Amino acid sequence: MKLQETLKSAMWADFDAENSFPNVRPLLAHYTSIAVFEQMMANDEVWFSNPLYMNDLEELRFGMLEGANAFRSNVALRNSLSDDAKHEKLICYFDQLFNEFDTKHAFHTYIMCLSRHDPKDNDGRLSMWRGYGAGGGGIAIVFDTAKIEANEASPLIVGHVKYGTCEERRAWISEKVQSLADILNGQLLSDDDLFHAAFHWIERLKTFALFTKHIGFREEEEWRIVYMNERDPQETLKEMRGYAITQRGAEPKLKLKIKPLEGLFGQDLSFEKIVERIILGPTTSTALAADAVRRILGKKDKPTLAEKIVPSSIPFRP
């Protein structure tokens, strides 16, 4: 048990220190189109996307593949074990876990992407409008995370994205594998110990892959809420799996209901509670457009949200 605790601490200490959600509660903005916004308000839900369909071509793949290769080929890790048979067993356990994620869970991993928002900002970030807010014609929903009662046992993980070059991300992987080798070195390891070494590595690797991006995306200041299917053995959110028809065809979505959910959120969860403001994109910041959005909210029985609409004043036209 002590070895398992040491492995867990070595793998997770950095992530836990940076993303302690009860202590870090920023405003987070979700940029989207008016059409998606209308569906969200109509159905009281937010949409999560599968990372394999997102605009970063390296999403998930880079971290998983680089981490797998480093783990399999690391000389220090091999030398830390007493014989080749134990190393082969360690790699075998890792490959089994990797294949299980690849075939059973990767397709049911979903991400909601948000951008850290300055409380004084009523304009939004231009790059986000261009990339995710319908070219400036969409909406930014600003959530106050301090009003969300999160449950640590939830299959939803909240954290901010770290940015780095390919070399920097590979260096992180190498350092983590080296720390794993240091822990295992000289230990009398059972098969159970070897399994847990592989397990803690792949679990941390999945989170690394989901919460890191190329440094070129750094201006987004992204935060993520990630749903991991393997952390939900009771399949509490299975009924919320859906789809959306986009320019790329049908895409899988997780449509998370904004309502009290046992084991996930507290008893008082609604858009009216957690939405801090709604920013109209710079190309639709007219009195007529604002009135139309208020009408959407009125039709969806959310009049209090209509009072939170602010127009972006960025002088941007596509």
C-alpha atoms as a PDB file:
ATOM      1  CA  MET A   1       0.000   0.000   0.000  1.00  0.00           C
ATOM      2  CA  LYS A   2       2.840   2.403   0.779  1.00  0.00           C
ATOM      3  CA  LEU A   3       4.290   1.895  -2.714  1.00  0.00           C
ATOM      4  CA  GLN A   4       0.916   2.639  -4.294  1.00  0.00           C
ATOM      5  CA  GLU A   5       0.602   5.849  -2.286  1.00  0.00           C
ATOM      6  CA  THR A   6       4.108   6.883  -3.337  1.00  0.00           C
ATOM      7  CA  LEU A   7       3.299   6.186  -6.995  1.00  0.00           C
ATOM      8  CA  LYS A   8       0.057   8.140  -6.802  1.00  0.00           C
ATOM      9  CA  SER A   9       1.736  11.119  -5.152  1.00  0.00           C
ATOM     10  CA  ALA A  10       4.594  11.178  -7.669  1.00  0.00           C
ATOM     11  CA  MET A  11       2.216  11.083 -10.635  1.00  0.00           C
ATOM     12  CA  TRP A  12      -0.456  13.496  -9.400  1.00  0.00           C
ATOM     13  CA  ALA A  13       1.133  16.027  -7.034  1.00  0.00           C
ATOM     14  CA  ASP A  14       1.723  18.633  -9.755  1.00  0.00           C
ATOM     15  CA  PHE A  15      -1.776  18.376 -11.237  1.00  0.00           C
ATOM     16  CA  ASP A  16      -3.515  18.468  -7.849  1.00  0.00           C
ATOM     17  CA  ALA A  17      -1.495  21.497  -6.726  1.00  0.00           C
ATOM     18  CA  GLU A  18      -2.398  23.491  -9.833  1.00  0.00           C
ATOM     19  CA  ASN A  19      -6.053  22.487 -10.154  1.00  0.00           C
ATOM     20  CA  SER A  20      -7.471  22.258  -6.667  1.00  0.00           C
ATOM     21  CA  PHE A  21     -10.976  23.205  -7.787  1.00  0.00           C
ATOM     22  CA  PRO A  22     -12.414  24.020  -4.361  1.00  0.00           C
ATOM     23  CA  ASN A  23      -9.690  26.674  -4.008  1.00  0.00           C
ATOM     24  CA  VAL A  24      -9.398  27.949  -7.600  1.00  0.00           C
ATOM     25  CA  ARG A  25     -12.702  29.433  -8.760  1.00  0.00           C
ATOM     26  CA  PRO A  26     -12.291  31.733 -11.797  1.00  0.00           C
ATOM     27  CA  LEU A  27     -14.882  33.085 -14.182  1.00  0.00           C
ATOM     28  CA  LEU A  28     -14.838  30.904 -17.297  1.00  0.00           C
ATOM     29  CA  ALA A  29     -16.326  31.854 -20.677  1.00  0.00           C
ATOM     30  CA  HIS A  30     -17.718  29.410 -23.209  1.00  0.00           C
ATOM     31  CA  TYR A  31     -17.842  30.824 -26.749  1.00  0.00           C
ATOM     32  CA  THR A  32     -20.414  29.355 -29.094  1.00  0.00           C
ATOM     33  CA  SER A  33     -22.912  30.131 -31.843  1.00  0.00           C
ATOM     34  CA  ILE A  34     -26.393  31.552 -31.329  1.00  0.00           C
ATOM     35  CA  ALA A  35     -27.882  28.285 -32.636  1.00  0.00           C
ATOM     36  CA  VAL A  36     -26.042  26.175 -30.073  1.00  0.00           C
ATOM     37  CA  PHE A  37     -26.835  28.707 -27.338  1.00  0.00           C
ATOM     38  CA  GLU A  38     -30.542  28.437 -28.157  1.00  0.00           C
ATOM     39  CA  GLN A  39     -30.403  24.646 -27.883  1.00  0.00           C
ATOM     40  CA  MET A  40     -28.525  24.835 -24.592  1.00  0.00           C
ATOM     41  CA  MET A  41     -31.127  27.166 -23.099  1.00  0.00           C
ATOM     42  CA  ALA A  42     -34.052  25.152 -24.497  1.00  0.00           C
ATOM     43  CA  ASN A  43     -32.814  21.889 -22.999  1.00  0.00           C
ATOM     44  CA  ASP A  44     -30.938  23.147 -19.918  1.00  0.00           C
ATOM     45  CA  GLU A  45     -27.691  21.536 -21.007  1.00  0.00           C
ATOM     46  CA  VAL A  46     -24.097  22.252 -21.980  1.00  0.00           C
ATOM     47  CA  TRP A  47     -22.372  20.368 -24.767  1.00  0.00           C
ATOM     48  CA  PHE A  48     -19.119  18.483 -24.427  1.00  0.00           C
ATOM     49  CA  SER A  49     -17.146  17.405 -27.513  1.00  0.00           C
ATOM     50  CA  ASN A  50     -15.039  14.343 -28.159  1.00  0.00           C
ATOM     51  CA  PRO A  51     -11.353  15.392 -28.310  1.00  0.00           C
ATOM     52  CA  LEU A  52     -10.785  13.403 -31.496  1.00  0.00           C
ATOM     53  CA  TYR A  53     -13.134  15.825 -33.300  1.00  0.00           C
ATOM     54  CA  MET A  54     -11.606  19.059 -32.002  1.00  0.00           C
ATOM     55  CA  ASN A  55      -9.627  21.638 -33.973  1.00  0.00           C
ATOM     56  CA  ASP A  56      -6.229  20.754 -32.433  1.00  0.00           C
ATOM     57  CA  LEU A  57      -5.022  17.882 -34.608  1.00  0.00           C
ATOM     58  CA  GLU A  58      -2.724  16.706 -31.801  1.00  0.00           C
ATOM     59  CA  GLU A  59      -5.568  16.604 -29.267  1.00  0.00           C
ATOM     60  CA  LEU A  60      -5.209  13.540 -27.023  1.00  0.00           C
ATOM     61  CA  ARG A  61      -3.076  11.695 -29.589  1.00  0.00           C
ATOM     62  CA  PHE A  62       0.228  13.480 -28.939  1.00  0.00           C
ATOM     63  CA  GLY A  63       0.350  12.900 -25.201  1.00  0.00           C
ATOM     64  CA  MET A  64      -0.883   9.316 -25.347  1.00  0.00           C
ATOM     65  CA  LEU A  65       1.444   8.170 -28.120  1.00  0.00           C
ATOM     66  CA  GLU A  66       4.512  10.016 -26.835  1.00  0.00           C
ATOM     67  CA  GLY A  67       3.878   8.807 -23.295  1.00  0.00           C
ATOM     68  CA  ALA A  68       3.392   5.212 -24.423  1.00  0.00           C
ATOM     69  CA  ASN A  69       6.599   5.225 -26.462  1.00  0.00           C
ATOM     70  CA  ALA A  70       8.609   6.785 -23.635  1.00  0.00           C
ATOM     71  CA  PHE A  71       7.315   4.264 -21.107  1.00  0.00           C
ATOM     72  CA  ARG A  72       8.085   1.276 -23.323  1.00  0.00           C
ATOM     73  CA  SER A  73      11.585   2.394 -24.319  1.00  0.00           C
ATOM     74  CA  ASN A  74      12.923   4.150 -21.213  1.00  0.00           C
ATOM     75  CA  VAL A  75      16.268   2.615 -20.241  1.00  0.00           C
ATOM     76  CA  ALA A  76      16.171   3.848 -16.632  1.00  0.00           C
ATOM     77  CA  LEU A  77      12.797   2.207 -16.118  1.00  0.00           C
ATOM     78  CA  ARG A  78      14.093  -1.076 -17.522  1.00  0.00           C
ATOM     79  CA  ASN A  79      17.210  -0.931 -15.338  1.00  0.00           C
ATOM     80  CA  SER A  80      15.161  -0.177 -12.221  1.00  0.00           C
ATOM     81  CA  LEU A  81      13.641  -3.661 -12.301  1.00  0.00           C
ATOM     82  CA  SER A  82      15.450  -6.768 -11.162  1.00  0.00           C
ATOM     83  CA  ASP A  83      15.133  -8.712 -14.422  1.00  0.00           C
ATOM     84  CA  ASP A  84      13.766  -8.562 -17.953  1.00  0.00           C
ATOM     85  CA  ALA A  85      10.764 -10.702 -17.031  1.00  0.00           C
ATOM     86  CA  LYS A  86       9.486  -8.049 -14.624  1.00  0.00           C
ATOM     87  CA  HIS A  87       9.988  -5.331 -17.241  1.00  0.00           C
ATOM     88  CA  GLU A  88       8.077  -7.389 -19.786  1.00  0.00           C
ATOM     89  CA  LYS A  89       5.278  -7.871 -17.263  1.00  0.00           C
ATOM     90  CA  LEU A  90       5.165  -4.111 -16.563  1.00  0.00           C
ATOM     91  CA  ILE A  91       4.945  -3.312 -20.268  1.00  0.00           C
ATOM     92  CA  CYS A  92       2.318  -6.014 -20.735  1.00  0.00           C
ATOM     93  CA  TYR A  93       0.118  -4.470 -18.052  1.00  0.00           C
ATOM     94  CA  PHE A  94       0.572  -1.027 -19.581  1.00  0.00           C
ATOM     95  CA  ASP A  95      -0.306  -2.263 -23.080  1.00  0.00           C
ATOM     96  CA  GLN A  96      -3.458  -3.909 -21.759  1.00  0.00           C
ATOM     97  CA  LEU A  97      -4.552  -0.694 -20.049  1.00  0.00           C
ATOM     98  CA  PHE A  98      -3.640   1.407 -23.098  1.00  0.00           C
ATOM     99  CA  ASN A  99      -5.635  -0.855 -25.438  1.00  0.00           C
ATOM    100  CA  GLU A 100      -8.602  -0.817 -23.061  1.00  0.00           C
ATOM    101  CA  PHE A 101      -8.667   2.983 -23.114  1.00  0.00           C
ATOM    102  CA  ASP A 102      -8.209   3.072 -26.886  1.00  0.00           C
ATOM    103  CA  THR A 103     -11.014   0.607 -27.648  1.00  0.00           C
ATOM    104  CA  LYS A 104     -13.504   1.230 -24.831  1.00  0.00           C
ATOM    105  CA  HIS A 105     -13.100   4.713 -23.411  1.00  0.00           C
ATOM    106  CA  ALA A 106     -11.499   7.178 -25.859  1.00  0.00           C
ATOM    107  CA  PHE A 107     -14.712   7.513 -27.877  1.00  0.00           C
ATOM    108  CA  HIS A 108     -16.632   8.247 -24.660  1.00  0.00           C
ATOM    109  CA  THR A 109     -14.255  10.926 -23.415  1.00  0.00           C
ATOM    110  CA  TYR A 110     -15.763  14.411 -23.676  1.00  0.00           C
ATOM    111  CA  ILE A 111     -14.471  17.931 -23.119  1.00  0.00           C
ATOM    112  CA  MET A 112     -16.120  21.274 -22.514  1.00  0.00           C
ATOM    113  CA  CYS A 113     -13.702  24.059 -23.414  1.00  0.00           C
ATOM    114  CA  LEU A 114     -13.772  27.418 -21.646  1.00  0.00           C
ATOM    115  CA  SER A 115     -11.541  30.473 -21.484  1.00  0.00           C
ATOM    116  CA  ARG A 116     -10.475  32.219 -18.291  1.00  0.00           C
ATOM    117  CA  HIS A 117     -12.386  35.495 -18.114  1.00  0.00           C
ATOM    118  CA  ASP A 118     -11.416  38.745 -16.442  1.00  0.00           C
ATOM    119  CA  PRO A 119     -14.273  39.985 -14.199  1.00  0.00           C
ATOM    120  CA  LYS A 120     -13.952  43.503 -15.672  1.00  0.00           C
ATOM    121  CA  ASP A 121     -14.133  42.295 -19.290  1.00  0.00           C
ATOM    122  CA  ASN A 122     -17.421  42.880 -21.120  1.00  0.00           C
ATOM    123  CA  ASP A 123     -15.896  42.417 -24.567  1.00  0.00           C
ATOM    124  CA  GLY A 124     -14.479  38.909 -24.666  1.00  0.00           C
ATOM    125  CA  ARG A 125     -11.307  37.791 -26.414  1.00  0.00           C
ATOM    126  CA  LEU A 126     -11.164  38.512 -30.140  1.00  0.00           C
ATOM    127  CA  SER A 127      -9.252  35.324 -30.988  1.00  0.00           C
ATOM    128  CA  MET A 128     -11.954  33.318 -29.215  1.00  0.00           C
ATOM    129  CA  TRP A 129     -14.720  35.092 -31.119  1.00  0.00           C
ATOM    130  CA  ARG A 130     -12.960  34.308 -34.378  1.00  0.00           C
ATOM    131  CA  GLY A 131     -12.215  30.703 -33.546  1.00  0.00           C
ATOM    132  CA  TYR A 132     -15.242  29.564 -31.578  1.00  0.00           C
ATOM    133  CA  GLY A 133     -17.837  32.339 -31.438  1.00  0.00           C
ATOM    134  CA  ALA A 134     -19.206  32.122 -34.981  1.00  0.00           C
ATOM    135  CA  GLY A 135     -16.647  34.574 -36.336  1.00  0.00           C
ATOM    136  CA  GLY A 136     -17.822  37.230 -33.904  1.00  0.00           C
ATOM    137  CA  GLY A 137     -21.522  36.582 -34.420  1.00  0.00           C
ATOM    138  CA  GLY A 138     -22.002  34.249 -31.488  1.00  0.00           C
ATOM    139  CA  ILE A 139     -22.270  34.425 -27.730  1.00  0.00           C
ATOM    140  CA  ALA A 140     -19.928  34.016 -24.761  1.00  0.00           C
ATOM    141  CA  ILE A 141     -21.577  32.485 -21.705  1.00  0.00           C
ATOM    142  CA  VAL A 142     -19.578  33.467 -18.626  1.00  0.00           C
ATOM    143  CA  PHE A 143     -19.864  30.962 -15.777  1.00  0.00           C
ATOM    144  CA  ASP A 144     -19.101  31.752 -12.143  1.00  0.00           C
ATOM    145  CA  THR A 145     -17.407  28.556 -10.973  1.00  0.00           C
ATOM    146  CA  ALA A 146     -17.563  29.712  -7.341  1.00  0.00           C
ATOM    147  CA  LYS A 147     -21.273  28.896  -7.482  1.00  0.00           C
ATOM    148  CA  ILE A 148     -20.790  25.302  -8.613  1.00  0.00           C
ATOM    149  CA  GLU A 149     -20.714  22.720  -5.841  1.00  0.00           C
ATOM    150  CA  ALA A 150     -18.350  20.095  -7.241  1.00  0.00           C
ATOM    151  CA  ASN A 151     -18.062  16.549  -5.896  1.00  0.00           C
ATOM    152  CA  GLU A 152     -14.571  15.057  -5.829  1.00  0.00           C
ATOM    153  CA  ALA A 153     -16.013  11.611  -6.628  1.00  0.00           C
ATOM    154  CA  SER A 154     -17.479  12.967  -9.859  1.00  0.00           C
ATOM    155  CA  PRO A 155     -16.301  11.571 -13.230  1.00  0.00           C
ATOM    156  CA  LEU A 156     -15.856  15.220 -14.272  1.00  0.00           C
ATOM    157  CA  ILE A 157     -12.350  16.667 -13.901  1.00  0.00           C
ATOM    158  CA  VAL A 158     -11.810  20.431 -13.904  1.00  0.00           C
ATOM    159  CA  GLY A 159      -8.442  21.984 -14.676  1.00  0.00           C
ATOM    160  CA  HIS A 160      -6.557  24.555 -16.702  1.00  0.00           C
ATOM    161  CA  VAL A 161      -4.653  23.719 -19.859  1.00  0.00           C
ATOM    162  CA  LYS A 162      -0.858  23.937 -19.833  1.00  0.00           C
ATOM    163  CA  TYR A 163       0.868  24.982 -23.047  1.00  0.00           C
ATOM    164  CA  GLY A 164       4.235  23.884 -24.330  1.00  0.00           C
ATOM    165  CA  THR A 165       6.295  23.088 -27.373  1.00  0.00           C
ATOM    166  CA  CYS A 166       6.577  19.488 -28.487  1.00  0.00           C
ATOM    167  CA  GLU A 167      10.001  19.352 -26.859  1.00  0.00           C
ATOM    168  CA  GLU A 168       8.727  20.733 -23.557  1.00  0.00           C
ATOM    169  CA  ARG A 169       5.888  18.239 -23.427  1.00  0.00           C
ATOM    170  CA  ARG A 170       8.220  15.370 -24.229  1.00  0.00           C
ATOM    171  CA  ALA A 171      10.531  16.582 -21.467  1.00  0.00           C
ATOM    172  CA  TRP A 172       7.659  16.442 -18.956  1.00  0.00           C
ATOM    173  CA  ILE A 173       6.925  12.863 -20.005  1.00  0.00           C
ATOM    174  CA  SER A 174      10.578  11.897 -19.692  1.00  0.00           C
ATOM    175  CA  GLU A 175      10.841  13.416 -16.210  1.00  0.00           C
ATOM    176  CA  LYS A 176       7.732  11.585 -15.026  1.00  0.00           C
ATOM    177  CA  VAL A 177       8.942   8.236 -16.325  1.00  0.00           C
ATOM    178  CA  GLN A 178      12.306   8.885 -14.653  1.00  0.00           C
ATOM    179  CA  SER A 179      10.538   9.573 -11.337  1.00  0.00           C
ATOM    180  CA  LEU A 180       8.668   6.299 -11.761  1.00  0.00           C
ATOM    181  CA  ALA A 181      11.953   4.469 -12.364  1.00  0.00           C
ATOM    182  CA  ASP A 182      13.457   6.052  -9.249  1.00  0.00           C
ATOM    183  CA  ILE A 183      10.538   4.825  -7.127  1.00  0.00           C
ATOM    184  CA  LEU A 184      10.703   1.260  -8.461  1.00  0.00           C
ATOM    185  CA  ASN A 185      14.482   0.982  -8.306  1.00  0.00           C
ATOM    186  CA  GLY A 186      15.620  -1.620  -5.751  1.00  0.00           C
ATOM    187  CA  GLN A 187      12.081  -2.570  -4.717  1.00  0.00           C
ATOM    188  CA  LEU A 188      10.912  -6.175  -4.316  1.00  0.00           C
ATOM    189  CA  LEU A 189       7.981  -5.898  -6.679  1.00  0.00           C
ATOM    190  CA  SER A 190       5.021  -8.235  -6.901  1.00  0.00           C
ATOM    191  CA  ASP A 191       2.835  -8.555  -9.988  1.00  0.00           C
ATOM    192  CA  ASP A 192       0.303  -6.365  -8.188  1.00  0.00           C
ATOM    193  CA  ASP A 193       2.966  -3.678  -7.721  1.00  0.00           C
ATOM    194  CA  LEU A 194       3.843  -3.803 -11.400  1.00  0.00           C
ATOM    195  CA  PHE A 195       0.181  -3.469 -12.359  1.00  0.00           C
ATOM    196  CA  HIS A 196      -0.269  -0.410 -10.144  1.00  0.00           C
ATOM    197  CA  ALA A 197       2.866   1.201 -11.578  1.00  0.00           C
ATOM    198  CA  ALA A 198       1.402   0.828 -15.076  1.00  0.00           C
ATOM    199  CA  PHE A 199      -2.039   1.930 -13.872  1.00  0.00           C
ATOM    200  CA  HIS A 200      -0.866   5.147 -12.207  1.00  0.00           C
ATOM    201  CA  TRP A 201       1.222   6.056 -15.238  1.00  0.00           C
ATOM    202  CA  ILE A 202      -1.530   5.636 -17.793  1.00  0.00           C
ATOM    203  CA  GLU A 203      -4.072   7.450 -15.611  1.00  0.00           C
ATOM    204  CA  ARG A 204      -1.731  10.430 -15.250  1.00  0.00           C
ATOM    205  CA  LEU A 205      -0.821  10.226 -18.921  1.00  0.00           C
ATOM    206  CA  LYS A 206      -4.471  10.462 -19.981  1.00  0.00           C
ATOM    207  CA  THR A 207      -4.929  13.585 -17.900  1.00  0.00           C
ATOM    208  CA  PHE A 208      -1.687  15.057 -19.250  1.00  0.00           C
ATOM    209  CA  ALA A 209      -2.853  14.408 -22.808  1.00  0.00           C
ATOM    210  CA  LEU A 210      -6.240  16.038 -22.119  1.00  0.00           C
ATOM    211  CA  PHE A 211      -4.915  19.106 -20.288  1.00  0.00           C
ATOM    212  CA  THR A 212      -1.929  20.093 -22.457  1.00  0.00           C
ATOM    213  CA  LYS A 213      -1.799  21.784 -25.852  1.00  0.00           C
ATOM    214  CA  HIS A 214       0.705  23.230 -28.266  1.00  0.00           C
ATOM    215  CA  ILE A 215       2.038  26.604 -27.163  1.00  0.00           C
ATOM    216  CA  GLY A 216       0.463  28.224 -30.223  1.00  0.00           C
ATOM    217  CA  PHE A 217      -2.915  28.030 -28.473  1.00  0.00           C
ATOM    218  CA  ARG A 218      -1.725  29.788 -25.303  1.00  0.00           C
ATOM    219  CA  GLU A 219      -3.687  33.032 -25.854  1.00  0.00           C
ATOM    220  CA  GLU A 220      -6.895  31.057 -25.299  1.00  0.00           C
ATOM    221  CA  GLU A 221      -6.128  30.696 -21.554  1.00  0.00           C
ATOM    222  CA  GLU A 222      -8.187  27.535 -21.685  1.00  0.00           C
ATOM    223  CA  TRP A 223      -9.791  25.661 -18.845  1.00  0.00           C
ATOM    224  CA  ARG A 224     -11.535  22.350 -19.344  1.00  0.00           C
ATOM    225  CA  ILE A 225     -14.188  20.184 -17.816  1.00  0.00           C
ATOM    226  CA  VAL A 226     -13.475  16.615 -18.886  1.00  0.00           C
ATOM    227  CA  TYR A 227     -15.783  13.613 -18.617  1.00  0.00           C
ATOM    228  CA  MET A 228     -13.948  10.282 -18.534  1.00  0.00           C
ATOM    229  CA  ASN A 229     -16.125   7.253 -19.105  1.00  0.00           C
ATOM    230  CA  GLU A 230     -13.860   4.917 -17.106  1.00  0.00           C
ATOM    231  CA  ARG A 231     -14.391   7.098 -14.028  1.00  0.00           C
ATOM    232  CA  ASP A 232     -18.136   6.536 -14.293  1.00  0.00           C
ATOM    233  CA  PRO A 233     -18.633   2.779 -13.749  1.00  0.00           C
ATOM    234  CA  GLN A 234     -22.297   3.350 -12.845  1.00  0.00           C
ATOM    235  CA  GLU A 235     -22.767   5.148 -16.194  1.00  0.00           C
ATOM    236  CA  THR A 236     -24.597   8.003 -14.489  1.00  0.00           C
ATOM    237  CA  LEU A 237     -24.338  10.178 -17.601  1.00  0.00           C
ATOM    238  CA  LYS A 238     -24.933   7.516 -20.268  1.00  0.00           C
ATOM    239  CA  GLU A 239     -28.387   8.854 -21.106  1.00  0.00           C
ATOM    240  CA  MET A 240     -26.838  12.246 -21.863  1.00  0.00           C
ATOM    241  CA  ARG A 241     -24.723  10.953 -24.750  1.00  0.00           C
ATOM    242  CA  GLY A 242     -25.977  12.506 -27.940  1.00  0.00           C
ATOM    243  CA  TYR A 243     -24.848  14.046 -31.202  1.00  0.00           C
ATOM    244  CA  ALA A 244     -24.801  17.248 -33.195  1.00  0.00           C
ATOM    245  CA  ILE A 245     -24.962  17.752 -36.935  1.00  0.00           C
ATOM    246  CA  THR A 246     -22.095  20.012 -37.990  1.00  0.00           C
ATOM    247  CA  GLN A 247     -20.271  20.918 -41.188  1.00  0.00           C
ATOM    248  CA  ARG A 248     -18.204  17.768 -40.570  1.00  0.00           C
ATOM    249  CA  GLY A 249     -21.286  15.563 -40.329  1.00  0.00           C
ATOM    250  CA  ALA A 250     -22.637  13.889 -37.194  1.00  0.00           C
ATOM    251  CA  GLU A 251     -20.377  14.309 -34.162  1.00  0.00           C
ATOM    252  CA  PRO A 252     -20.723  12.609 -30.780  1.00  0.00           C
ATOM    253  CA  LYS A 253     -21.601  14.919 -27.898  1.00  0.00           C
ATOM    254  CA  LEU A 254     -22.191  14.666 -24.189  1.00  0.00           C
ATOM    255  CA  LYS A 255     -25.146  16.932 -23.413  1.00  0.00           C
ATOM    256  CA  LEU A 256     -24.808  17.507 -19.683  1.00  0.00           C
ATOM    257  CA  LYS A 257     -28.021  18.574 -18.004  1.00  0.00           C
ATOM    258  CA  ILE A 258     -27.694  21.664 -15.816  1.00  0.00           C
ATOM    259  CA  LYS A 259     -29.699  20.393 -12.889  1.00  0.00           C
ATOM    260  CA  PRO A 260     -29.010  18.774  -9.519  1.00  0.00           C
ATOM    261  CA  LEU A 261     -27.344  15.424 -10.192  1.00  0.00           C
ATOM    262  CA  GLU A 262     -26.757  13.013  -7.348  1.00  0.00           C
ATOM    263  CA  GLY A 263     -23.057  12.354  -6.818  1.00  0.00           C
ATOM    264  CA  LEU A 264     -22.037  15.159  -9.200  1.00  0.00           C
ATOM    265  CA  PHE A 265     -23.430  18.526  -8.150  1.00  0.00           C
ATOM    266  CA  GLY A 266     -25.326  20.061  -5.279  1.00  0.00           C
ATOM    267  CA  GLN A 267     -29.062  20.496  -4.938  1.00  0.00           C
ATOM    268  CA  ASP A 268     -29.161  24.021  -6.381  1.00  0.00           C
ATOM    269  CA  LEU A 269     -27.780  23.989  -9.917  1.00  0.00           C
ATOM    270  CA  SER A 270     -29.256  26.021 -12.762  1.00  0.00           C
ATOM    271  CA  PHE A 271     -28.184  28.385 -15.522  1.00  0.00           C
ATOM    272  CA  GLU A 272     -29.764  31.216 -13.577  1.00  0.00           C
ATOM    273  CA  LYS A 273     -27.416  30.505 -10.662  1.00  0.00           C
ATOM    274  CA  ILE A 274     -24.105  29.846 -12.421  1.00  0.00           C
ATOM    275  CA  VAL A 275     -24.212  32.231 -15.423  1.00  0.00           C
ATOM    276  CA  GLU A 276     -22.527  35.490 -14.442  1.00  0.00           C
ATOM    277  CA  ARG A 277     -23.111  37.315 -17.749  1.00  0.00           C
ATOM    278  CA  ILE A 278     -23.842  36.711 -21.437  1.00  0.00           C
ATOM    279  CA  ILE A 279     -21.718  38.649 -23.932  1.00  0.00           C
ATOM    280  CA  LEU A 280     -23.021  39.257 -27.445  1.00  0.00           C
ATOM    281  CA  GLY A 281     -20.336  38.881 -30.100  1.00  0.00           C
ATOM    282  CA  PRO A 282     -18.927  42.027 -31.719  1.00  0.00           C
ATOM    283  CA  THR A 283     -20.699  41.480 -35.032  1.00  0.00           C
ATOM    284  CA  THR A 284     -24.116  41.106 -33.365  1.00  0.00           C
ATOM    285  CA  SER A 285     -23.833  43.770 -30.669  1.00  0.00           C
ATOM    286  CA  THR A 286     -26.857  45.777 -31.679  1.00  0.00           C
ATOM    287  CA  ALA A 287     -29.960  46.674 -29.732  1.00  0.00           C
ATOM    288  CA  LEU A 288     -32.029  44.588 -32.153  1.00  0.00           C
ATOM    289  CA  ALA A 289     -29.796  41.521 -31.651  1.00  0.00           C
ATOM    290  CA  ALA A 290     -29.855  41.939 -27.875  1.00  0.00           C
ATOM    291  CA  ASP A 291     -33.644  42.111 -27.939  1.00  0.00           C
ATOM    292  CA  ALA A 292     -33.769  38.908 -30.019  1.00  0.00           C
ATOM    293  CA  VAL A 293     -31.564  37.069 -27.515  1.00  0.00           C
ATOM    294  CA  ARG A 294     -33.743  38.327 -24.664  1.00  0.00           C
ATOM    295  CA  ARG A 295     -36.698  36.890 -26.555  1.00  0.00           C
ATOM    296  CA  ILE A 296     -34.923  33.520 -26.760  1.00  0.00           C
ATOM    297  CA  LEU A 297     -34.404  33.558 -23.009  1.00  0.00           C
ATOM    298  CA  GLY A 298     -37.980  34.662 -22.369  1.00  0.00           C
ATOM    299  CA  LYS A 299     -39.324  31.818 -24.496  1.00  0.00           C
ATOM    300  CA  LYS A 300     -37.121  29.387 -22.552  1.00  0.00           C
ATOM    301  CA  ASP A 301     -38.485  30.682 -19.227  1.00  0.00           C
ATOM    302  CA  LYS A 302     -35.175  32.313 -18.234  1.00  0.00           C
ATOM    303  CA  PRO A 303     -36.037  36.009 -17.867  1.00  0.00           C
ATOM    304  CA  THR A 304     -33.385  36.607 -15.185  1.00  0.00           C
ATOM    305  CA  LEU A 305     -30.671  35.678 -17.700  1.00  0.00           C
ATOM    306  CA  ALA A 306     -31.961  38.327 -20.071  1.00  0.00           C
ATOM    307  CA  GLU A 307     -30.861  40.933 -17.519  1.00  0.00           C
ATOM    308  CA  LYS A 308     -27.264  39.665 -17.757  1.00  0.00           C
ATOM    309  CA  ILE A 309     -26.759  40.409 -21.472  1.00  0.00           C
ATOM    310  CA  VAL A 310     -23.935  42.803 -22.370  1.00  0.00           C
ATOM    311  CA  PRO A 311     -22.730  43.738 -25.865  1.00  0.00           C
ATOM    312  CA  SER A 312     -19.097  43.405 -26.862  1.00  0.00           C
ATOM    313  CA  SER A 313     -17.679  46.748 -27.924  1.00  0.00           C
ATOM    314  CA  ILE A 314     -14.809  45.343 -29.998  1.00  0.00           C
ATOM    315  CA  PRO A 315     -14.952  47.212 -33.375  1.00  0.00           C
ATOM    316  CA  PHE A 316     -14.549  44.001 -35.346  1.00  0.00           C
ATOM    317  CA  ARG A 317     -16.275  43.182 -38.592  1.00  0.00           C
ATOM    318  CA  PRO A 318     -15.577  39.974 -40.543  1.00  0.00           C
END
